[in-house]
Amino acid sequence: MHPFYPGTGGANVGKNCFNYPVAPDAPRKTYRATLARALDDLKKFRPDLVAVSAGFDAYVRDPLGQSVLVVDDFYWLGQSLCALGVPLFSLLEGGYSSDLPELIFAWLKGVAGK
């Protein structure tokens, strides 16, 4: 997550690795708009498979992330990726809030379309 991890996530790499940096403490509206733009680009790319590095550091109460997302944002993102209609898998990455189980559950409900 750029700029928290220097040297990563600031620039696109190759023909299939795109980054959408969001400034620390950016408003949720800005964050969601950036995610929506990334989802639109993903639809245009038409992947056969989507792999998600499911990190929850962007949660508002994460002690490291300095971000603003709430539980519903993770549900929405999972639901939006599910709507692509392509196979999807995710691997748990970061997230250091004591609310992590709730965030993961919201993500999984969104991915399951429930």
Protein backbone atom coordinates (compact mmCIF):
# COMPACT_ATOMS: atom_id res chain seq x y z
CA MET A 1 0.00 0.00 0.00
CA HIS A 2 1.76 3.08 -1.30
CA PRO A 3 3.18 5.25 0.31
CA PHE A 4 3.27 3.20 3.55
CA TYR A 5 5.64 0.65 2.07
CA PRO A 6 8.28 2.66 0.17
CA GLY A 7 9.20 1.43 -3.27
CA THR A 8 5.90 -0.35 -3.88
CA GLY A 9 2.57 0.52 -5.42
CA GLY A 10 3.47 3.90 -6.90
CA ALA A 11 3.79 2.96 -10.56
CA ASN A 12 2.27 0.48 -12.97
CA VAL A 13 4.44 -2.51 -13.81
CA GLY A 14 4.23 -4.36 -17.12
CA LYS A 15 0.96 -4.89 -18.97
CA ASN A 16 -1.08 -6.39 -16.15
CA CYS A 17 -0.02 -4.82 -12.83
CA PHE A 18 -1.69 -1.48 -12.22
CA ASN A 19 -1.54 0.63 -9.10
CA TYR A 20 -4.04 3.17 -7.84
CA PRO A 21 -2.38 5.07 -4.99
CA VAL A 22 -4.57 6.80 -2.43
CA ALA A 23 -3.09 9.43 -0.15
CA PRO A 24 -3.08 8.79 3.62
CA ASP A 25 -6.27 10.04 5.26
CA ALA A 26 -7.96 10.58 1.87
CA PRO A 27 -11.74 10.90 2.31
CA ARG A 28 -13.82 7.74 1.82
CA LYS A 29 -15.40 9.33 -1.24
CA THR A 30 -11.96 9.69 -2.84
CA TYR A 31 -10.96 6.17 -1.84
CA ARG A 32 -14.18 4.68 -3.25
CA ALA A 33 -13.83 6.67 -6.48
CA THR A 34 -10.30 5.32 -6.91
CA LEU A 35 -11.49 1.76 -6.27
CA ALA A 36 -14.36 2.25 -8.75
CA ARG A 37 -11.88 3.44 -11.39
CA ALA A 38 -9.71 0.38 -10.74
CA LEU A 39 -12.77 -1.89 -11.06
CA ASP A 40 -13.73 -0.23 -14.35
CA ASP A 41 -10.22 -0.79 -15.68
CA LEU A 42 -10.38 -4.40 -14.51
CA LYS A 43 -13.64 -4.92 -16.42
CA LYS A 44 -12.02 -3.52 -19.58
CA PHE A 45 -9.05 -5.84 -19.12
CA ARG A 46 -11.42 -8.85 -19.01
CA PRO A 47 -9.33 -11.20 -16.86
CA ASP A 48 -9.89 -14.95 -16.74
CA LEU A 49 -9.10 -14.97 -13.03
CA VAL A 50 -8.84 -12.35 -10.29
CA ALA A 51 -6.38 -12.79 -7.43
CA VAL A 52 -6.87 -10.46 -4.47
CA SER A 53 -4.28 -9.61 -1.88
CA ALA A 54 -6.92 -9.05 0.79
CA GLY A 55 -5.36 -6.57 3.15
CA PHE A 56 -7.38 -4.65 5.70
CA ASP A 57 -4.83 -1.97 6.63
CA ALA A 58 -7.07 0.66 5.00
CA TYR A 59 -9.60 0.24 7.81
CA VAL A 60 -10.24 3.41 9.80
CA ARG A 61 -9.24 1.79 13.11
CA ASP A 62 -6.15 0.01 11.84
CA PRO A 63 -3.21 1.18 13.97
CA LEU A 64 -0.82 1.35 11.00
CA GLY A 65 -2.85 2.26 7.91
CA GLN A 66 -3.82 5.92 8.41
CA SER A 67 -6.88 5.38 6.27
CA VAL A 68 -10.64 5.81 6.44
CA LEU A 69 -12.48 2.74 5.14
CA VAL A 70 -15.27 1.21 7.23
CA VAL A 71 -16.70 -2.31 7.33
CA ASP A 72 -19.24 -1.56 4.57
CA ASP A 73 -16.44 -0.55 2.19
CA PHE A 74 -14.90 -4.03 2.38
CA TYR A 75 -18.31 -5.59 1.77
CA TRP A 76 -18.88 -3.28 -1.21
CA LEU A 77 -15.48 -4.11 -2.69
CA GLY A 78 -16.07 -7.86 -2.34
CA GLN A 79 -19.52 -7.49 -3.89
CA SER A 80 -18.12 -5.40 -6.75
CA LEU A 81 -15.46 -7.99 -7.53
CA CYS A 82 -18.03 -10.79 -7.36
CA ALA A 83 -20.13 -8.89 -9.91
CA LEU A 84 -17.32 -9.23 -12.46
CA GLY A 85 -18.46 -12.81 -12.95
CA VAL A 86 -14.97 -14.32 -13.19
CA PRO A 87 -13.28 -16.78 -10.84
CA LEU A 88 -11.82 -15.02 -7.82
CA PHE A 89 -9.59 -16.01 -4.95
CA SER A 90 -8.13 -13.99 -2.13
CA LEU A 91 -5.26 -14.39 0.29
CA LEU A 92 -5.27 -12.70 3.66
CA GLU A 93 -2.56 -10.07 3.90
CA GLY A 94 -2.42 -7.20 6.36
CA GLY A 95 -4.81 -5.75 8.87
CA TYR A 96 -3.97 -5.13 12.49
CA SER A 97 -7.19 -3.93 14.06
CA SER A 98 -8.97 -6.01 16.68
CA ASP A 99 -11.97 -5.70 14.31
CA LEU A 100 -10.21 -7.90 11.72
CA PRO A 101 -12.67 -10.84 12.03
CA GLU A 102 -15.59 -8.49 11.28
CA LEU A 103 -13.75 -7.04 8.28
CA ILE A 104 -12.95 -10.48 6.87
CA PHE A 105 -16.55 -11.58 7.35
CA ALA A 106 -17.84 -8.47 5.52
CA TRP A 107 -15.38 -9.13 2.67
CA LEU A 108 -16.44 -12.79 2.41
CA LYS A 109 -20.15 -11.91 2.42
CA GLY A 110 -19.52 -9.43 -0.39
CA VAL A 111 -17.49 -11.92 -2.42
CA ALA A 112 -20.24 -14.53 -1.89
CA GLY A 113 -22.86 -12.06 -3.11
CA LYS A 114 -24.82 -12.18 0.15
